[in-house]
């Protein structure tokens, strides 16, 4: 499935027989959601919507960054919660913020949300 979440033309692959979701650069357990430059947050949210039915059925999720897991739906929920918190309050205590490079991405999303 092609979507514009992380980058224009970004893709994910669903292997139904194996129930494996190859999520590309989304659904990471170590990285925060990273909307593409120049800041298309609506496209990222739409991509999460597109991934949701597959994440709900997935036995395995393979992100582009992070670890392979069995928790695709939980990762999708964490991404939505993070975005919703920043949009609603301007803040988030998502634990992935502590990982290298994520403070800059967090600050970037805060600036983006303030500009909406």
PDB file of N, CA and C in Angstrom:
ATOM      1  N   UNK A   1       0.845  -1.165   0.000  1.00  0.00           N
ATOM      2  CA  UNK A   1       0.000   0.000   0.000  1.00  0.00           C
ATOM      3  C   UNK A   1       0.894   1.233   0.000  1.00  0.00           C
ATOM      4  N   UNK A   2       0.619   2.147  -0.879  1.00  0.00           N
ATOM      5  CA  UNK A   2       1.373   3.390  -0.972  1.00  0.00           C
ATOM      6  C   UNK A   2       0.575   4.475  -0.242  1.00  0.00           C
ATOM      7  N   UNK A   3       1.285   5.281   0.521  1.00  0.00           N
ATOM      8  CA  UNK A   3       0.670   6.414   1.224  1.00  0.00           C
ATOM      9  C   UNK A   3       1.726   7.508   1.344  1.00  0.00           C
ATOM     10  N   UNK A   4       1.335   8.649   1.835  1.00  0.00           N
ATOM     11  CA  UNK A   4       2.259   9.782   1.947  1.00  0.00           C
ATOM     12  C   UNK A   4       2.589  10.122   3.396  1.00  0.00           C
ATOM     13  N   UNK A   5       2.590   9.137   4.281  1.00  0.00           N
ATOM     14  CA  UNK A   5       2.775   9.398   5.706  1.00  0.00           C
ATOM     15  C   UNK A   5       4.150   9.900   6.075  1.00  0.00           C
ATOM     16  N   UNK A   6       5.147   9.093   5.929  1.00  0.00           N
ATOM     17  CA  UNK A   6       6.496   9.464   6.332  1.00  0.00           C
ATOM     18  C   UNK A   6       7.197  10.273   5.245  1.00  0.00           C
ATOM     19  N   UNK A   7       6.817  10.010   4.006  1.00  0.00           N
ATOM     20  CA  UNK A   7       7.389  10.701   2.858  1.00  0.00           C
ATOM     21  C   UNK A   7       6.452  10.501   1.674  1.00  0.00           C
ATOM     22  N   UNK A   8       6.467  11.414   0.713  1.00  0.00           N
ATOM     23  CA  UNK A   8       5.612  11.212  -0.460  1.00  0.00           C
ATOM     24  C   UNK A   8       5.916   9.863  -1.124  1.00  0.00           C
ATOM     25  N   UNK A   9       4.874   9.080  -1.376  1.00  0.00           N
ATOM     26  CA  UNK A   9       5.038   7.782  -1.999  1.00  0.00           C
ATOM     27  C   UNK A   9       5.573   6.700  -1.076  1.00  0.00           C
ATOM     28  N   UNK A  10       5.572   6.959   0.226  1.00  0.00           N
ATOM     29  CA  UNK A  10       6.025   5.964   1.196  1.00  0.00           C
ATOM     30  C   UNK A  10       5.138   4.727   1.082  1.00  0.00           C
ATOM     31  N   UNK A  11       5.663   3.573   1.432  1.00  0.00           N
ATOM     32  CA  UNK A  11       4.885   2.345   1.266  1.00  0.00           C
ATOM     33  C   UNK A  11       5.015   1.428   2.466  1.00  0.00           C
ATOM     34  N   UNK A  12       4.006   0.611   2.617  1.00  0.00           N
ATOM     35  CA  UNK A  12       4.009  -0.486   3.573  1.00  0.00           C
ATOM     36  C   UNK A  12       3.544  -1.713   2.805  1.00  0.00           C
ATOM     37  N   UNK A  13       3.893  -2.872   3.303  1.00  0.00           N
ATOM     38  CA  UNK A  13       3.524  -4.112   2.630  1.00  0.00           C
ATOM     39  C   UNK A  13       2.847  -5.034   3.634  1.00  0.00           C
ATOM     40  N   UNK A  14       1.688  -5.560   3.251  1.00  0.00           N
ATOM     41  CA  UNK A  14       0.949  -6.496   4.083  1.00  0.00           C
ATOM     42  C   UNK A  14       1.053  -7.883   3.458  1.00  0.00           C
ATOM     43  N   UNK A  15       1.536  -8.843   4.240  1.00  0.00           N
ATOM     44  CA  UNK A  15       1.611 -10.239   3.811  1.00  0.00           C
ATOM     45  C   UNK A  15       0.504 -10.988   4.548  1.00  0.00           C
ATOM     46  N   UNK A  16      -0.672 -11.136   3.923  1.00  0.00           N
ATOM     47  CA  UNK A  16      -1.833 -11.640   4.648  1.00  0.00           C
ATOM     48  C   UNK A  16      -1.691 -13.076   5.150  1.00  0.00           C
ATOM     49  N   UNK A  17      -1.116 -13.943   4.368  1.00  0.00           N
ATOM     50  CA  UNK A  17      -1.009 -15.336   4.798  1.00  0.00           C
ATOM     51  C   UNK A  17      -0.141 -15.464   6.047  1.00  0.00           C
ATOM     52  N   UNK A  18       0.927 -14.695   6.089  1.00  0.00           N
ATOM     53  CA  UNK A  18       1.844 -14.727   7.233  1.00  0.00           C
ATOM     54  C   UNK A  18       1.420 -13.761   8.341  1.00  0.00           C
ATOM     55  N   UNK A  19       0.494 -12.864   8.005  1.00  0.00           N
ATOM     56  CA  UNK A  19       0.043 -11.797   8.922  1.00  0.00           C
ATOM     57  C   UNK A  19       1.232 -10.929   9.382  1.00  0.00           C
ATOM     58  N   UNK A  20       2.038 -10.537   8.391  1.00  0.00           N
ATOM     59  CA  UNK A  20       3.215  -9.700   8.635  1.00  0.00           C
ATOM     60  C   UNK A  20       2.985  -8.345   7.990  1.00  0.00           C
ATOM     61  N   UNK A  21       3.219  -7.285   8.762  1.00  0.00           N
ATOM     62  CA  UNK A  21       3.130  -5.914   8.268  1.00  0.00           C
ATOM     63  C   UNK A  21       4.535  -5.334   8.201  1.00  0.00           C
ATOM     64  N   UNK A  22       5.014  -5.083   6.982  1.00  0.00           N
ATOM     65  CA  UNK A  22       6.276  -4.386   6.780  1.00  0.00           C
ATOM     66  C   UNK A  22       5.911  -2.908   6.728  1.00  0.00           C
ATOM     67  N   UNK A  23       6.176  -2.195   7.803  1.00  0.00           N
ATOM     68  CA  UNK A  23       5.623  -0.857   8.007  1.00  0.00           C
ATOM     69  C   UNK A  23       6.476   0.267   7.450  1.00  0.00           C
ATOM     70  N   UNK A  24       7.599  -0.031   6.837  1.00  0.00           N
ATOM     71  CA  UNK A  24       8.456   1.046   6.357  1.00  0.00           C
ATOM     72  C   UNK A  24       8.944   1.869   7.537  1.00  0.00           C
ATOM     73  N   UNK A  25       8.999   3.165   7.377  1.00  0.00           N
ATOM     74  CA  UNK A  25       9.494   4.041   8.439  1.00  0.00           C
ATOM     75  C   UNK A  25       8.367   4.522   9.350  1.00  0.00           C
ATOM     76  N   UNK A  26       7.473   3.617   9.688  1.00  0.00           N
ATOM     77  CA  UNK A  26       6.381   3.922  10.615  1.00  0.00           C
ATOM     78  C   UNK A  26       6.276   2.781  11.629  1.00  0.00           C
ATOM     79  N   UNK A  27       5.533   3.020  12.692  1.00  0.00           N
ATOM     80  CA  UNK A  27       5.270   2.040  13.754  1.00  0.00           C
ATOM     81  C   UNK A  27       6.546   1.574  14.441  1.00  0.00           C
ATOM     82  N   UNK A  28       7.453   2.505  14.659  1.00  0.00           N
ATOM     83  CA  UNK A  28       8.708   2.211  15.329  1.00  0.00           C
ATOM     84  C   UNK A  28       8.519   2.182  16.839  1.00  0.00           C
ATOM     85  N   UNK A  29       9.255   1.310  17.487  1.00  0.00           N
ATOM     86  CA  UNK A  29       9.259   1.298  18.949  1.00  0.00           C
ATOM     87  C   UNK A  29      10.332   2.226  19.517  1.00  0.00           C
ATOM     88  N   UNK A  30      11.177   2.796  18.648  1.00  0.00           N
ATOM     89  CA  UNK A  30      12.242   3.675  19.139  1.00  0.00           C
ATOM     90  C   UNK A  30      12.157   5.103  18.600  1.00  0.00           C
ATOM     91  N   UNK A  31      11.446   5.297  17.499  1.00  0.00           N
ATOM     92  CA  UNK A  31      11.333   6.636  16.908  1.00  0.00           C
ATOM     93  C   UNK A  31       9.908   7.169  17.053  1.00  0.00           C
ATOM     94  N   UNK A  32       9.826   8.464  17.273  1.00  0.00           N
ATOM     95  CA  UNK A  32       8.538   9.146  17.259  1.00  0.00           C
ATOM     96  C   UNK A  32       8.023   9.228  15.825  1.00  0.00           C
ATOM     97  N   UNK A  33       6.730   9.452  15.631  1.00  0.00           N
ATOM     98  CA  UNK A  33       6.235   9.690  14.274  1.00  0.00           C
ATOM     99  C   UNK A  33       6.979  10.861  13.626  1.00  0.00           C
ATOM    100  N   UNK A  34       7.364  10.667  12.376  1.00  0.00           N
ATOM    101  CA  UNK A  34       8.158  11.668  11.656  1.00  0.00           C
ATOM    102  C   UNK A  34       7.430  12.074  10.373  1.00  0.00           C
ATOM    103  N   UNK A  35       6.512  13.048  10.455  1.00  0.00           N
ATOM    104  CA  UNK A  35       5.860  13.529   9.224  1.00  0.00           C
ATOM    105  C   UNK A  35       6.905  14.091   8.266  1.00  0.00           C
ATOM    106  N   UNK A  36       6.643  13.953   6.982  1.00  0.00           N
ATOM    107  CA  UNK A  36       7.640  14.367   6.011  1.00  0.00           C
ATOM    108  C   UNK A  36       7.709  15.885   5.878  1.00  0.00           C
ATOM    109  N   UNK A  37       8.864  16.320   5.434  1.00  0.00           N
ATOM    110  CA  UNK A  37       9.084  17.731   5.138  1.00  0.00           C
ATOM    111  C   UNK A  37       8.346  18.056   3.864  1.00  0.00           C
ATOM    112  N   UNK A  38       7.613  19.088   3.714  1.00  0.00           N
ATOM    113  CA  UNK A  38       7.505  20.209   4.640  1.00  0.00           C
ATOM    114  C   UNK A  38       6.324  20.090   5.604  1.00  0.00           C
ATOM    115  N   UNK A  39       6.342  19.101   6.409  1.00  0.00           N
ATOM    116  CA  UNK A  39       5.431  19.013   7.542  1.00  0.00           C
ATOM    117  C   UNK A  39       3.998  18.664   7.184  1.00  0.00           C
ATOM    118  N   UNK A  40       3.804  17.545   6.588  1.00  0.00           N
ATOM    119  CA  UNK A  40       2.452  17.135   6.244  1.00  0.00           C
ATOM    120  C   UNK A  40       1.887  16.196   7.305  1.00  0.00           C
ATOM    121  N   UNK A  41       1.467  16.781   8.414  1.00  0.00           N
ATOM    122  CA  UNK A  41       0.873  16.014   9.498  1.00  0.00           C
ATOM    123  C   UNK A  41      -0.430  15.339   9.068  1.00  0.00           C
ATOM    124  N   UNK A  42      -1.317  15.997   8.317  1.00  0.00           N
ATOM    125  CA  UNK A  42      -2.528  15.297   7.877  1.00  0.00           C
ATOM    126  C   UNK A  42      -2.233  14.031   7.069  1.00  0.00           C
ATOM    127  N   UNK A  43      -1.199  14.039   6.243  1.00  0.00           N
ATOM    128  CA  UNK A  43      -0.843  12.840   5.482  1.00  0.00           C
ATOM    129  C   UNK A  43      -0.358  11.734   6.415  1.00  0.00           C
ATOM    130  N   UNK A  44       0.351  12.091   7.470  1.00  0.00           N
ATOM    131  CA  UNK A  44       0.828  11.090   8.423  1.00  0.00           C
ATOM    132  C   UNK A  44      -0.344  10.445   9.145  1.00  0.00           C
ATOM    133  N   UNK A  45      -1.291  11.278   9.567  1.00  0.00           N
ATOM    134  CA  UNK A  45      -2.481  10.757  10.256  1.00  0.00           C
ATOM    135  C   UNK A  45      -3.287   9.863   9.309  1.00  0.00           C
ATOM    136  N   UNK A  46      -3.419  10.261   8.058  1.00  0.00           N
ATOM    137  CA  UNK A  46      -4.119   9.437   7.071  1.00  0.00           C
ATOM    138  C   UNK A  46      -3.394   8.102   6.865  1.00  0.00           C
ATOM    139  N   UNK A  47      -2.070   8.114   6.901  1.00  0.00           N
ATOM    140  CA  UNK A  47      -1.310   6.878   6.754  1.00  0.00           C
ATOM    141  C   UNK A  47      -1.550   5.951   7.947  1.00  0.00           C
ATOM    142  N   UNK A  48      -1.618   6.512   9.149  1.00  0.00           N
ATOM    143  CA  UNK A  48      -1.952   5.683  10.310  1.00  0.00           C
ATOM    144  C   UNK A  48      -3.331   5.062  10.134  1.00  0.00           C
ATOM    145  N   UNK A  49      -4.274   5.837   9.624  1.00  0.00           N
ATOM    146  CA  UNK A  49      -5.615   5.298   9.355  1.00  0.00           C
ATOM    147  C   UNK A  49      -5.547   4.151   8.361  1.00  0.00           C
ATOM    148  N   UNK A  50      -4.723   4.306   7.327  1.00  0.00           N
ATOM    149  CA  UNK A  50      -4.591   3.257   6.308  1.00  0.00           C
ATOM    150  C   UNK A  50      -3.936   1.999   6.877  1.00  0.00           C
ATOM    151  N   UNK A  51      -3.004   2.161   7.791  1.00  0.00           N
ATOM    152  CA  UNK A  51      -2.317   1.020   8.385  1.00  0.00           C
ATOM    153  C   UNK A  51      -3.146   0.318   9.456  1.00  0.00           C
ATOM    154  N   UNK A  52      -4.107   1.002  10.041  1.00  0.00           N
ATOM    155  CA  UNK A  52      -4.850   0.481  11.195  1.00  0.00           C
ATOM    156  C   UNK A  52      -5.453  -0.900  10.983  1.00  0.00           C
ATOM    157  N   UNK A  53      -6.171  -1.165   9.883  1.00  0.00           N
ATOM    158  CA  UNK A  53      -6.764  -2.498   9.764  1.00  0.00           C
ATOM    159  C   UNK A  53      -5.719  -3.615   9.655  1.00  0.00           C
ATOM    160  N   UNK A  54      -4.561  -3.305   9.099  1.00  0.00           N
ATOM    161  CA  UNK A  54      -3.496  -4.301   8.987  1.00  0.00           C
ATOM    162  C   UNK A  54      -2.793  -4.489  10.332  1.00  0.00           C
ATOM    163  N   UNK A  55      -2.573  -3.399  11.038  1.00  0.00           N
ATOM    164  CA  UNK A  55      -1.952  -3.484  12.362  1.00  0.00           C
ATOM    165  C   UNK A  55      -2.826  -4.312  13.305  1.00  0.00           C
ATOM    166  N   UNK A  56      -4.135  -4.179  13.174  1.00  0.00           N
ATOM    167  CA  UNK A  56      -5.053  -4.932  14.027  1.00  0.00           C
ATOM    168  C   UNK A  56      -4.956  -6.439  13.779  1.00  0.00           C
ATOM    169  N   UNK A  57      -4.599  -6.833  12.560  1.00  0.00           N
ATOM    170  CA  UNK A  57      -4.526  -8.261  12.207  1.00  0.00           C
ATOM    171  C   UNK A  57      -3.108  -8.823  12.258  1.00  0.00           C
ATOM    172  N   UNK A  58      -2.119  -7.960  12.376  1.00  0.00           N
ATOM    173  CA  UNK A  58      -0.729  -8.393  12.239  1.00  0.00           C
ATOM    174  C   UNK A  58      -0.270  -9.262  13.408  1.00  0.00           C
ATOM    175  N   UNK A  59       0.384 -10.354  13.070  1.00  0.00           N
ATOM    176  CA  UNK A  59       1.062 -11.166  14.074  1.00  0.00           C
ATOM    177  C   UNK A  59       2.465 -10.619  14.313  1.00  0.00           C
ATOM    178  N   UNK A  60       3.019  -9.989  13.260  1.00  0.00           N
ATOM    179  CA  UNK A  60       4.377  -9.442  13.324  1.00  0.00           C
ATOM    180  C   UNK A  60       4.392  -8.107  12.598  1.00  0.00           C
ATOM    181  N   UNK A  61       5.110  -7.141  13.181  1.00  0.00           N
ATOM    182  CA  UNK A  61       5.343  -5.856  12.524  1.00  0.00           C
ATOM    183  C   UNK A  61       6.848  -5.681  12.361  1.00  0.00           C
ATOM    184  N   UNK A  62       7.236  -5.216  11.171  1.00  0.00           N
ATOM    185  CA  UNK A  62       8.645  -4.972  10.871  1.00  0.00           C
ATOM    186  C   UNK A  62       8.778  -3.501  10.493  1.00  0.00           C
ATOM    187  N   UNK A  63       9.297  -2.677  11.415  1.00  0.00           N
ATOM    188  CA  UNK A  63       9.494  -1.260  11.092  1.00  0.00           C
ATOM    189  C   UNK A  63      10.838  -1.050  10.403  1.00  0.00           C
ATOM    190  N   UNK A  64      10.963   0.085   9.731  1.00  0.00           N
ATOM    191  CA  UNK A  64      12.244   0.428   9.118  1.00  0.00           C
ATOM    192  C   UNK A  64      13.318   0.726  10.144  1.00  0.00           C
ATOM    193  N   UNK A  65      12.910   1.208  11.310  1.00  0.00           N
ATOM    194  CA  UNK A  65      13.832   1.530  12.402  1.00  0.00           C
ATOM    195  C   UNK A  65      13.227   0.983  13.678  1.00  0.00           C
ATOM    196  N   UNK A  66      14.032   0.325  14.475  1.00  0.00           N
ATOM    197  CA  UNK A  66      13.535  -0.264  15.705  1.00  0.00           C
ATOM    198  C   UNK A  66      13.544  -1.774  15.618  1.00  0.00           C
ATOM    199  N   UNK A  67      12.776  -2.395  16.492  1.00  0.00           N
ATOM    200  CA  UNK A  67      12.790  -3.845  16.561  1.00  0.00           C
ATOM    201  C   UNK A  67      11.537  -4.447  15.943  1.00  0.00           C
ATOM    202  N   UNK A  68      11.686  -5.650  15.449  1.00  0.00           N
ATOM    203  CA  UNK A  68      10.543  -6.430  14.982  1.00  0.00           C
ATOM    204  C   UNK A  68       9.721  -6.769  16.213  1.00  0.00           C
ATOM    205  N   UNK A  69       8.388  -6.713  16.074  1.00  0.00           N
ATOM    206  CA  UNK A  69       7.558  -6.980  17.235  1.00  0.00           C
ATOM    207  C   UNK A  69       6.258  -7.668  16.889  1.00  0.00           C
ATOM    208  N   UNK A  70       5.524  -7.964  17.931  1.00  0.00           N
ATOM    209  CA  UNK A  70       4.202  -8.579  17.809  1.00  0.00           C
ATOM    210  C   UNK A  70       3.120  -7.611  18.261  1.00  0.00           C
ATOM    211  N   UNK A  71       3.452  -6.347  18.332  1.00  0.00           N
ATOM    212  CA  UNK A  71       2.585  -5.333  18.934  1.00  0.00           C
ATOM    213  C   UNK A  71       2.236  -4.197  17.975  1.00  0.00           C
ATOM    214  N   UNK A  72       1.911  -4.531  16.733  1.00  0.00           N
ATOM    215  CA  UNK A  72       1.639  -3.496  15.725  1.00  0.00           C
ATOM    216  C   UNK A  72       0.515  -2.563  16.160  1.00  0.00           C
ATOM    217  N   UNK A  73      -0.572  -3.104  16.672  1.00  0.00           N
ATOM    218  CA  UNK A  73      -1.702  -2.260  17.075  1.00  0.00           C
ATOM    219  C   UNK A  73      -1.308  -1.334  18.222  1.00  0.00           C
ATOM    220  N   UNK A  74      -0.542  -1.825  19.164  1.00  0.00           N
ATOM    221  CA  UNK A  74      -0.092  -0.992  20.286  1.00  0.00           C
ATOM    222  C   UNK A  74       0.834   0.123  19.805  1.00  0.00           C
ATOM    223  N   UNK A  75       1.690  -0.179  18.830  1.00  0.00           N
ATOM    224  CA  UNK A  75       2.580   0.846  18.284  1.00  0.00           C
ATOM    225  C   UNK A  75       1.776   1.918  17.546  1.00  0.00           C
ATOM    226  N   UNK A  76       0.781   1.481  16.789  1.00  0.00           N
ATOM    227  CA  UNK A  76      -0.071   2.444  16.094  1.00  0.00           C
ATOM    228  C   UNK A  76      -0.808   3.321  17.106  1.00  0.00           C
ATOM    229  N   UNK A  77      -1.334   2.714  18.161  1.00  0.00           N
ATOM    230  CA  UNK A  77      -2.010   3.487  19.215  1.00  0.00           C
ATOM    231  C   UNK A  77      -1.055   4.475  19.875  1.00  0.00           C
ATOM    232  N   UNK A  78       0.186   4.063  20.115  1.00  0.00           N
ATOM    233  CA  UNK A  78       1.180   4.963  20.722  1.00  0.00           C
ATOM    234  C   UNK A  78       1.467   6.143  19.805  1.00  0.00           C
ATOM    235  N   UNK A  79       1.566   5.890  18.494  1.00  0.00           N
ATOM    236  CA  UNK A  79       1.797   6.985  17.543  1.00  0.00           C
ATOM    237  C   UNK A  79       0.626   7.956  17.533  1.00  0.00           C
ATOM    238  N   UNK A  80      -0.591   7.422  17.508  1.00  0.00           N
ATOM    239  CA  UNK A  80      -1.778   8.299  17.541  1.00  0.00           C
ATOM    240  C   UNK A  80      -1.837   9.105  18.835  1.00  0.00           C
ATOM    241  N   UNK A  81      -1.576   8.431  19.953  1.00  0.00           N
ATOM    242  CA  UNK A  81      -1.626   9.104  21.255  1.00  0.00           C
ATOM    243  C   UNK A  81      -0.611  10.246  21.311  1.00  0.00           C
ATOM    244  N   UNK A  82       0.596   9.986  20.838  1.00  0.00           N
ATOM    245  CA  UNK A  82       1.639  11.015  20.818  1.00  0.00           C
ATOM    246  C   UNK A  82       1.199  12.226  20.002  1.00  0.00           C
ATOM    247  N   UNK A  83       0.738  11.982  18.781  1.00  0.00           N
ATOM    248  CA  UNK A  83       0.300  13.086  17.922  1.00  0.00           C
ATOM    249  C   UNK A  83      -0.881  13.814  18.556  1.00  0.00           C
ATOM    250  N   UNK A  84      -1.859  13.072  19.048  1.00  0.00           N
ATOM    251  CA  UNK A  84      -3.038  13.687  19.674  1.00  0.00           C
ATOM    252  C   UNK A  84      -2.651  14.555  20.867  1.00  0.00           C
ATOM    253  N   UNK A  85      -1.736  14.055  21.709  1.00  0.00           N
ATOM    254  CA  UNK A  85      -1.303  14.827  22.881  1.00  0.00           C
ATOM    255  C   UNK A  85      -0.650  16.140  22.468  1.00  0.00           C
ATOM    256  N   UNK A  86       0.243  16.075  21.488  1.00  0.00           N
ATOM    257  CA  UNK A  86       0.943  17.289  21.060  1.00  0.00           C
ATOM    258  C   UNK A  86      -0.044  18.262  20.408  1.00  0.00           C
ATOM    259  N   UNK A  87      -0.969  17.761  19.612  1.00  0.00           N
ATOM    260  CA  UNK A  87      -1.967  18.637  18.994  1.00  0.00           C
ATOM    261  C   UNK A  87      -2.863  19.262  20.063  1.00  0.00           C
ATOM    262  N   UNK A  88      -3.309  18.450  21.009  1.00  0.00           N
ATOM    263  CA  UNK A  88      -4.257  18.926  22.030  1.00  0.00           C
ATOM    264  C   UNK A  88      -3.606  19.825  23.084  1.00  0.00           C
ATOM    265  N   UNK A  89      -2.415  19.459  23.567  1.00  0.00           N
ATOM    266  CA  UNK A  89      -1.826  20.171  24.705  1.00  0.00           C
ATOM    267  C   UNK A  89      -0.483  20.831  24.408  1.00  0.00           C
ATOM    268  N   UNK A  90       0.133  20.451  23.284  1.00  0.00           N
ATOM    269  CA  UNK A  90       1.467  20.956  22.976  1.00  0.00           C
ATOM    270  C   UNK A  90       2.572  20.164  23.647  1.00  0.00           C
ATOM    271  N   UNK A  91       2.220  19.140  24.399  1.00  0.00           N
ATOM    272  CA  UNK A  91       3.195  18.359  25.164  1.00  0.00           C
ATOM    273  C   UNK A  91       2.933  16.868  24.993  1.00  0.00           C
ATOM    274  N   UNK A  92       3.954  16.053  25.295  1.00  0.00           N
ATOM    275  CA  UNK A  92       3.816  14.604  25.350  1.00  0.00           C
ATOM    276  C   UNK A  92       4.929  14.044  26.212  1.00  0.00           C
ATOM    277  N   UNK A  93       4.605  13.009  26.967  1.00  0.00           N
ATOM    278  CA  UNK A  93       5.631  12.331  27.762  1.00  0.00           C
ATOM    279  C   UNK A  93       5.986  10.967  27.161  1.00  0.00           C
ATOM    280  N   UNK A  94       5.805  10.821  25.852  1.00  0.00           N
ATOM    281  CA  UNK A  94       6.109   9.571  25.165  1.00  0.00           C
ATOM    282  C   UNK A  94       7.545   9.155  25.501  1.00  0.00           C
ATOM    283  N   UNK A  95       7.741   7.922  25.945  1.00  0.00           N
ATOM    284  CA  UNK A  95       9.098   7.489  26.337  1.00  0.00           C
ATOM    285  C   UNK A  95      10.100   7.473  25.191  1.00  0.00           C
ATOM    286  N   UNK A  96       9.644   7.430  23.952  1.00  0.00           N
ATOM    287  CA  UNK A  96      10.575   7.441  22.819  1.00  0.00           C
ATOM    288  C   UNK A  96      11.313   8.767  22.709  1.00  0.00           C
ATOM    289  N   UNK A  97      10.819   9.808  23.376  1.00  0.00           N
ATOM    290  CA  UNK A  97      11.511  11.103  23.363  1.00  0.00           C
ATOM    291  C   UNK A  97      12.927  10.993  23.905  1.00  0.00           C
ATOM    292  N   UNK A  98      13.188  10.026  24.759  1.00  0.00           N
ATOM    293  CA  UNK A  98      14.512   9.870  25.378  1.00  0.00           C
ATOM    294  C   UNK A  98      15.543   9.275  24.421  1.00  0.00           C
ATOM    295  N   UNK A  99      15.114   8.763  23.287  1.00  0.00           N
ATOM    296  CA  UNK A  99      16.037   8.139  22.342  1.00  0.00           C
ATOM    297  C   UNK A  99      16.794   9.192  21.532  1.00  0.00           C
ATOM    298  N   UNK A 100      17.985   8.866  21.062  1.00  0.00           N
ATOM    299  CA  UNK A 100      18.809   9.837  20.318  1.00  0.00           C
ATOM    300  C   UNK A 100      18.052  10.457  19.141  1.00  0.00           C
ATOM    301  N   UNK A 101      18.149  11.779  19.038  1.00  0.00           N
ATOM    302  CA  UNK A 101      17.561  12.524  17.939  1.00  0.00           C
ATOM    303  C   UNK A 101      16.088  12.849  18.084  1.00  0.00           C
ATOM    304  N   UNK A 102      15.421  12.274  19.068  1.00  0.00           N
ATOM    305  CA  UNK A 102      13.980  12.455  19.161  1.00  0.00           C
ATOM    306  C   UNK A 102      13.576  13.779  19.811  1.00  0.00           C
ATOM    307  N   UNK A 103      14.442  14.381  20.614  1.00  0.00           N
ATOM    308  CA  UNK A 103      14.109  15.705  21.167  1.00  0.00           C
ATOM    309  C   UNK A 103      13.921  16.718  20.045  1.00  0.00           C
ATOM    310  N   UNK A 104      14.781  16.643  19.022  1.00  0.00           N
ATOM    311  CA  UNK A 104      14.652  17.562  17.889  1.00  0.00           C
ATOM    312  C   UNK A 104      13.348  17.319  17.133  1.00  0.00           C
ATOM    313  N   UNK A 105      12.982  16.049  16.952  1.00  0.00           N
ATOM    314  CA  UNK A 105      11.736  15.724  16.248  1.00  0.00           C
ATOM    315  C   UNK A 105      10.516  16.153  17.057  1.00  0.00           C
ATOM    316  N   UNK A 106      10.597  16.000  18.369  1.00  0.00           N
ATOM    317  CA  UNK A 106       9.521  16.447  19.260  1.00  0.00           C
ATOM    318  C   UNK A 106       9.340  17.958  19.155  1.00  0.00           C
ATOM    319  N   UNK A 107      10.435  18.697  19.231  1.00  0.00           N
ATOM    320  CA  UNK A 107      10.368  20.159  19.108  1.00  0.00           C
ATOM    321  C   UNK A 107       9.829  20.565  17.742  1.00  0.00           C
ATOM    322  N   UNK A 108      10.201  19.822  16.715  1.00  0.00           N
ATOM    323  CA  UNK A 108       9.715  20.109  15.372  1.00  0.00           C
ATOM    324  C   UNK A 108       8.191  19.942  15.289  1.00  0.00           C
ATOM    325  N   UNK A 109       7.670  18.860  15.855  1.00  0.00           N
ATOM    326  CA  UNK A 109       6.219  18.653  15.841  1.00  0.00           C
ATOM    327  C   UNK A 109       5.518  19.740  16.655  1.00  0.00           C
ATOM    328  N   UNK A 110       6.099  20.146  17.766  1.00  0.00           N
ATOM    329  CA  UNK A 110       5.493  21.230  18.547  1.00  0.00           C
ATOM    330  C   UNK A 110       5.402  22.513  17.714  1.00  0.00           C
ATOM    331  N   UNK A 111       6.456  22.852  16.987  1.00  0.00           N
ATOM    332  CA  UNK A 111       6.428  24.047  16.129  1.00  0.00           C
ATOM    333  C   UNK A 111       5.384  23.890  15.038  1.00  0.00           C
ATOM    334  N   UNK A 112       5.327  22.715  14.443  1.00  0.00           N
ATOM    335  CA  UNK A 112       4.354  22.447  13.386  1.00  0.00           C
ATOM    336  C   UNK A 112       2.937  22.633  13.903  1.00  0.00           C
ATOM    337  N   UNK A 113       2.630  22.075  15.046  1.00  0.00           N
ATOM    338  CA  UNK A 113       1.285  22.153  15.610  1.00  0.00           C
ATOM    339  C   UNK A 113       0.916  23.599  15.931  1.00  0.00           C
ATOM    340  N   UNK A 114       1.859  24.360  16.439  1.00  0.00           N
ATOM    341  CA  UNK A 114       1.584  25.770  16.747  1.00  0.00           C
ATOM    342  C   UNK A 114       1.247  26.550  15.477  1.00  0.00           C
ATOM    343  N   UNK A 115       1.787  26.095  14.340  1.00  0.00           N
ATOM    344  CA  UNK A 115       1.541  26.784  13.062  1.00  0.00           C
ATOM    345  C   UNK A 115       0.256  26.372  12.371  1.00  0.00           C
ATOM    346  N   UNK A 116      -0.426  25.332  12.857  1.00  0.00           N
ATOM    347  CA  UNK A 116      -1.659  24.871  12.209  1.00  0.00           C
ATOM    348  C   UNK A 116      -2.798  25.844  12.372  1.00  0.00           C
TER     349      UNK A 116
END
